[in-house]
């Protein structure tokens, strides 16, 4: 007997369904662009080494790493999506590092160049950044594209606790995140917030606090949930090899998601439930499954438990 999941119906507001509905059933794919940016906690402006969990290569597709120009990355990325996934339309996604960390005039030149490629098939524009690298001028620049594209501003919150942000060498505080969100009052932009669950010094109750904080900002339209995973080339990777610490198993992380999803405001769209890196870079936790299998396991468990997003939400 077919279940709701078999029909593509999940107990949470998922991004795939959102895209299909928003774009009238067209297959819309993100094409990642590496614009060659860095971060203020890498280049010495605020520190060196970057966030302790981060190795940019672990979440940047090999195609983007190998191709030197934005044009090459997008042309080949779009061709690949059309060939392998029958993509109809595209979202141009500036992902690696901090993609607003440059003068506004330089950003405009780079964004304009990217959006001119295969422009008749581009419906969206997404930019990943940090709270301390966004200001009113850059918000205005991004909003200037919103009459032609759906524009997503993806901002890393990571944790709501300043003690954690200090430990991971984040280089900015949660207060700076709050101030950045306030810049987006009545904005045309779609704000997507990124979080990481599983820092070993944070309790389960502390992680619940992430959801309550997200809920209080009406500006937030999308979220990406990640579990902490340790990758080669990161500061945390070196520490983990010297002295391993507790990380989520797939079962434990799924348990946490089943606690968090009912607390989440029901209008927020979940773009991602977990993070994953290339297995040649992954140190731990290795769940022994590919991305699709992990997604299926989590979705089936959510369905089995009758989890419904927002069912425990209190305004």
Protein backbone atom coordinates (compact mmCIF):
# COMPACT_ATOMS: atom_id res chain seq x y z
CA UNK A 1 0.00 0.00 0.00
CA UNK A 2 1.37 3.37 -1.05
CA UNK A 3 2.22 5.87 1.69
CA UNK A 4 2.18 9.66 1.63
CA UNK A 5 5.94 9.59 1.17
CA UNK A 6 5.53 7.43 -1.93
CA UNK A 7 3.44 10.26 -3.37
CA UNK A 8 6.14 12.82 -2.52
CA UNK A 9 4.29 14.16 0.51
CA UNK A 10 6.48 14.77 3.56
CA UNK A 11 5.74 15.85 7.09
CA UNK A 12 7.75 19.01 6.59
CA UNK A 13 7.79 21.94 4.18
CA UNK A 14 10.48 20.63 1.83
CA UNK A 15 12.39 22.55 -0.80
CA UNK A 16 11.84 20.15 -3.69
CA UNK A 17 8.07 20.46 -3.39
CA UNK A 18 8.40 24.23 -3.00
CA UNK A 19 10.40 24.53 -6.23
CA UNK A 20 7.96 22.36 -8.21
CA UNK A 21 5.00 24.40 -7.04
CA UNK A 22 6.68 27.79 -7.36
CA UNK A 23 7.93 27.10 -10.90
CA UNK A 24 4.80 25.31 -12.17
CA UNK A 25 6.32 21.84 -12.28
CA UNK A 26 9.53 22.82 -14.09
CA UNK A 27 12.75 21.11 -13.00
CA UNK A 28 14.86 23.87 -11.45
CA UNK A 29 18.46 23.17 -10.40
CA UNK A 30 21.06 25.20 -8.56
CA UNK A 31 24.37 25.63 -10.36
CA UNK A 32 27.18 26.43 -7.94
CA UNK A 33 29.64 29.21 -8.70
CA UNK A 34 33.00 29.69 -6.99
CA UNK A 35 33.73 33.40 -7.33
CA UNK A 36 37.16 33.17 -5.70
CA UNK A 37 36.11 34.92 -2.50
CA UNK A 38 37.67 34.47 0.93
CA UNK A 39 36.38 35.21 4.46
CA UNK A 40 37.37 37.82 7.07
CA UNK A 41 38.38 35.08 9.50
CA UNK A 42 40.72 33.64 6.85
CA UNK A 43 42.48 36.66 5.39
CA UNK A 44 43.51 38.29 8.68
CA UNK A 45 40.79 40.95 8.78
CA UNK A 46 39.31 39.16 11.82
CA UNK A 47 41.53 36.12 12.08
CA UNK A 48 43.19 33.26 10.26
CA UNK A 49 42.31 29.66 9.51
CA UNK A 50 38.58 30.15 8.99
CA UNK A 51 35.86 28.37 10.94
CA UNK A 52 37.40 25.34 12.62
CA UNK A 53 34.99 22.87 10.97
CA UNK A 54 35.47 24.24 7.47
CA UNK A 55 37.36 23.01 4.45
CA UNK A 56 35.81 24.84 1.49
CA UNK A 57 36.61 21.96 -0.88
CA UNK A 58 34.39 19.64 1.17
CA UNK A 59 31.21 21.40 -0.02
CA UNK A 60 32.35 22.79 -3.38
CA UNK A 61 31.65 20.56 -6.38
CA UNK A 62 34.75 19.32 -8.16
CA UNK A 63 33.58 21.02 -11.38
CA UNK A 64 33.60 24.44 -9.67
CA UNK A 65 37.01 23.82 -8.13
CA UNK A 66 38.60 22.85 -11.45
CA UNK A 67 37.23 25.53 -13.78
CA UNK A 68 38.86 28.95 -13.45
CA UNK A 69 36.14 31.28 -14.75
CA UNK A 70 32.55 31.88 -13.73
CA UNK A 71 31.46 31.47 -17.34
CA UNK A 72 33.07 28.02 -17.64
CA UNK A 73 31.60 26.89 -14.34
CA UNK A 74 28.08 27.94 -15.30
CA UNK A 75 28.13 26.74 -18.91
CA UNK A 76 29.40 23.29 -17.95
CA UNK A 77 27.25 23.12 -14.80
CA UNK A 78 24.09 23.91 -16.75
CA UNK A 79 24.94 21.46 -19.52
CA UNK A 80 25.53 18.74 -16.93
CA UNK A 81 22.22 19.45 -15.17
CA UNK A 82 20.33 19.36 -18.47
CA UNK A 83 21.97 16.11 -19.55
CA UNK A 84 21.86 14.23 -16.24
CA UNK A 85 18.72 15.64 -14.60
CA UNK A 86 16.65 17.07 -17.47
CA UNK A 87 16.84 20.52 -15.90
CA UNK A 88 14.51 23.14 -17.35
CA UNK A 89 15.65 26.24 -15.46
CA UNK A 90 18.48 27.28 -13.16
CA UNK A 91 19.36 29.13 -9.99
CA UNK A 92 22.83 30.70 -10.09
CA UNK A 93 24.31 30.00 -6.67
CA UNK A 94 27.42 31.76 -5.35
CA UNK A 95 28.26 29.32 -2.55
CA UNK A 96 31.90 28.84 -1.43
CA UNK A 97 33.27 31.27 1.18
CA UNK A 98 31.72 34.73 1.69
CA UNK A 99 30.16 35.98 -1.52
CA UNK A 100 29.50 39.56 -0.42
CA UNK A 101 33.03 40.08 0.91
CA UNK A 102 34.13 42.68 -1.65
CA UNK A 103 33.28 46.27 -2.63
CA UNK A 104 29.73 46.62 -3.94
CA UNK A 105 30.80 47.78 -7.41
CA UNK A 106 32.96 44.66 -7.79
CA UNK A 107 30.11 42.42 -6.64
CA UNK A 108 27.76 44.00 -9.18
CA UNK A 109 30.21 43.36 -12.00
CA UNK A 110 30.61 39.72 -10.97
CA UNK A 111 26.89 39.09 -10.41
CA UNK A 112 25.94 40.76 -13.72
CA UNK A 113 28.45 38.59 -15.57
CA UNK A 114 27.10 35.39 -14.01
CA UNK A 115 23.48 36.27 -14.66
CA UNK A 116 24.15 37.06 -18.32
CA UNK A 117 24.99 33.41 -19.07
CA UNK A 118 22.08 31.41 -20.51
CA UNK A 119 19.91 34.18 -19.08
CA UNK A 120 16.68 32.94 -20.65
CA UNK A 121 16.88 29.83 -18.45
CA UNK A 122 17.93 31.52 -15.19
CA UNK A 123 15.04 32.08 -12.77
CA UNK A 124 16.88 32.49 -9.49
CA UNK A 125 19.97 33.96 -7.90
CA UNK A 126 21.38 32.81 -4.55
CA UNK A 127 24.27 34.28 -2.59
CA UNK A 128 25.91 32.77 0.49
CA UNK A 129 27.46 35.11 3.06
CA UNK A 130 28.18 35.86 6.73
CA UNK A 131 26.26 38.26 9.01
CA UNK A 132 29.25 40.61 9.31
CA UNK A 133 29.66 40.93 5.53
CA UNK A 134 26.25 42.30 4.66
CA UNK A 135 25.17 45.93 4.91
CA UNK A 136 22.44 48.21 3.58
CA UNK A 137 24.34 48.94 0.35
CA UNK A 138 24.80 45.25 -0.43
CA UNK A 139 21.19 44.47 0.46
CA UNK A 140 20.13 47.19 -2.00
CA UNK A 141 22.34 45.66 -4.69
CA UNK A 142 20.80 42.22 -4.21
CA UNK A 143 17.30 43.71 -4.14
CA UNK A 144 17.99 45.37 -7.51
CA UNK A 145 17.88 41.90 -9.10
CA UNK A 146 14.58 40.92 -7.46
CA UNK A 147 12.40 42.31 -10.27
CA UNK A 148 13.95 39.72 -12.63
CA UNK A 149 14.86 36.80 -10.40
CA UNK A 150 13.96 35.15 -7.13
CA UNK A 151 16.90 36.25 -4.99
CA UNK A 152 17.97 34.19 -1.98
CA UNK A 153 20.40 35.54 0.58
CA UNK A 154 21.88 32.58 2.46
CA UNK A 155 23.43 33.53 5.77
CA UNK A 156 25.32 31.32 8.19
CA UNK A 157 23.96 31.50 11.71
CA UNK A 158 25.70 28.21 12.66
CA UNK A 159 24.99 28.55 16.42
CA UNK A 160 23.08 31.07 18.52
CA UNK A 161 25.63 30.87 21.35
CA UNK A 162 28.57 33.27 21.37
CA UNK A 163 30.66 30.78 23.35
CA UNK A 164 30.30 28.31 20.49
CA UNK A 165 31.00 30.95 17.84
CA UNK A 166 34.21 31.85 19.67
CA UNK A 167 35.29 28.20 19.95
CA UNK A 168 34.82 27.60 16.23
CA UNK A 169 36.70 30.80 15.29
CA UNK A 170 33.62 32.20 13.59
CA UNK A 171 34.81 35.78 13.92
CA UNK A 172 31.35 37.25 14.51
CA UNK A 173 28.73 37.14 17.23
CA UNK A 174 25.09 36.13 17.27
CA UNK A 175 24.25 39.77 17.88
CA UNK A 176 25.75 40.57 14.47
CA UNK A 177 23.48 37.94 12.95
CA UNK A 178 20.45 39.58 14.58
CA UNK A 179 21.49 43.01 13.27
CA UNK A 180 21.96 41.60 9.76
CA UNK A 181 18.48 40.08 9.82
CA UNK A 182 17.02 43.43 10.87
CA UNK A 183 18.47 44.92 7.67
CA UNK A 184 16.04 42.67 5.81
CA UNK A 185 12.81 44.06 7.26
CA UNK A 186 10.27 44.32 4.40
CA UNK A 187 12.86 43.05 1.95
CA UNK A 188 12.26 41.51 -1.47
CA UNK A 189 14.96 38.94 -0.71
CA UNK A 190 14.35 35.39 0.50
CA UNK A 191 16.46 34.86 3.60
CA UNK A 192 17.88 31.37 4.11
CA UNK A 193 19.57 30.60 7.43
CA UNK A 194 22.18 27.87 7.87
CA UNK A 195 22.69 26.05 11.19
CA UNK A 196 24.97 23.29 12.47
CA UNK A 197 23.78 20.84 15.11
CA UNK A 198 26.06 18.67 17.21
CA UNK A 199 28.86 20.78 18.61
CA UNK A 200 29.93 18.43 21.42
CA UNK A 201 29.70 21.04 24.18
CA UNK A 202 26.09 21.98 23.31
CA UNK A 203 23.21 20.11 24.90
CA UNK A 204 20.06 18.94 23.15
CA UNK A 205 18.11 21.68 24.92
CA UNK A 206 20.56 24.27 23.59
CA UNK A 207 19.96 22.98 20.06
CA UNK A 208 16.21 23.34 20.57
CA UNK A 209 16.97 27.00 21.21
CA UNK A 210 18.12 27.40 17.60
CA UNK A 211 14.58 26.72 16.41
CA UNK A 212 12.96 29.17 18.83
CA UNK A 213 15.41 31.84 17.65
CA UNK A 214 14.71 31.15 13.96
CA UNK A 215 10.96 31.27 14.59
CA UNK A 216 11.04 34.81 15.93
CA UNK A 217 12.24 36.35 12.65
CA UNK A 218 9.52 36.66 10.00
CA UNK A 219 12.24 37.56 7.49
CA UNK A 220 13.44 33.94 7.45
CA UNK A 221 11.86 31.99 4.60
CA UNK A 222 14.28 29.05 4.23
CA UNK A 223 16.52 27.03 6.54
CA UNK A 224 19.35 24.57 6.00
CA UNK A 225 20.04 22.14 8.81
CA UNK A 226 23.42 20.42 8.99
CA UNK A 227 24.88 17.96 11.45
CA UNK A 228 28.47 18.55 12.48
CA UNK A 229 30.78 16.44 10.36
CA UNK A 230 34.56 16.48 10.45
CA UNK A 231 36.53 16.86 7.23
CA UNK A 232 40.14 16.66 6.15
CA UNK A 233 41.89 20.00 5.88
CA UNK A 234 39.97 21.58 8.77
CA UNK A 235 41.29 22.64 12.18
CA UNK A 236 38.61 20.52 13.84
CA UNK A 237 39.76 17.56 11.74
CA UNK A 238 43.25 17.78 13.22
CA UNK A 239 41.83 17.99 16.75
CA UNK A 240 39.45 15.08 16.14
CA UNK A 241 42.25 12.81 14.95
CA UNK A 242 44.24 13.61 18.09
CA UNK A 243 41.32 13.20 20.48
CA UNK A 244 38.01 11.99 18.98
CA UNK A 245 34.80 13.40 20.44
CA UNK A 246 31.14 12.44 20.32
CA UNK A 247 29.30 13.00 17.02
CA UNK A 248 25.77 12.10 15.96
CA UNK A 249 25.00 8.69 14.57
CA UNK A 250 22.37 8.73 11.83
CA UNK A 251 19.79 7.38 14.28
CA UNK A 252 20.63 10.01 16.91
CA UNK A 253 20.54 12.84 14.42
CA UNK A 254 17.21 11.67 13.03
CA UNK A 255 15.87 11.62 16.61
CA UNK A 256 16.94 15.24 16.99
CA UNK A 257 15.29 16.27 13.71
CA UNK A 258 12.07 14.59 14.86
CA UNK A 259 12.18 16.81 17.94
CA UNK A 260 13.02 20.00 16.06
CA UNK A 261 10.69 19.84 13.05
CA UNK A 262 7.47 20.06 15.10
CA UNK A 263 8.87 23.19 16.81
CA UNK A 264 9.67 24.95 13.52
CA UNK A 265 7.32 27.63 12.23
CA UNK A 266 5.19 25.90 9.59
CA UNK A 267 5.68 28.46 6.80
CA UNK A 268 9.48 28.05 6.73
CA UNK A 269 10.79 25.89 3.89
CA UNK A 270 13.50 23.37 4.79
CA UNK A 271 16.08 23.36 2.01
CA UNK A 272 18.28 20.73 3.62
CA UNK A 273 18.08 18.36 6.60
CA UNK A 274 21.72 17.29 6.76
CA UNK A 275 25.13 18.11 5.36
CA UNK A 276 27.45 15.77 3.53
CA UNK A 277 30.94 16.05 2.09
CA UNK A 278 32.86 14.01 -0.45
CA UNK A 279 33.77 10.71 1.18
CA UNK A 280 37.44 11.18 0.31
CA UNK A 281 37.41 14.24 2.59
CA UNK A 282 35.08 12.94 5.31
CA UNK A 283 36.68 11.87 8.60
CA UNK A 284 33.54 11.36 10.72
CA UNK A 285 30.75 10.48 11.17
CA UNK A 286 30.64 8.04 8.28
CA UNK A 287 27.08 6.75 8.17
CA UNK A 288 27.87 4.26 5.41
CA UNK A 289 25.18 5.61 3.08
CA UNK A 290 25.08 7.95 0.11
CA UNK A 291 23.13 11.20 0.13
CA UNK A 292 19.98 9.69 -1.36
CA UNK A 293 19.95 6.80 1.13
CA UNK A 294 20.39 9.16 4.09
CA UNK A 295 17.52 11.33 2.85
CA UNK A 296 15.30 8.28 2.42
CA UNK A 297 16.11 6.97 5.90
CA UNK A 298 15.28 10.31 7.54
CA UNK A 299 12.09 10.81 5.51
CA UNK A 300 10.83 7.32 6.31
CA UNK A 301 11.48 7.78 10.01
CA UNK A 302 9.70 11.14 10.01
CA UNK A 303 6.73 9.50 8.32
CA UNK A 304 6.77 6.47 10.64
CA UNK A 305 6.66 8.71 13.70
CA UNK A 306 3.94 10.96 12.27
CA UNK A 307 6.11 14.07 12.55
CA UNK A 308 4.47 17.27 11.26
CA UNK A 309 6.32 20.56 10.93
CA UNK A 310 4.89 23.22 13.22
CA UNK A 311 2.67 20.89 15.21
CA UNK A 312 4.34 22.06 18.45
CA UNK A 313 5.02 25.63 17.29
CA UNK A 314 3.83 28.39 19.58
CA UNK A 315 3.74 31.90 18.16
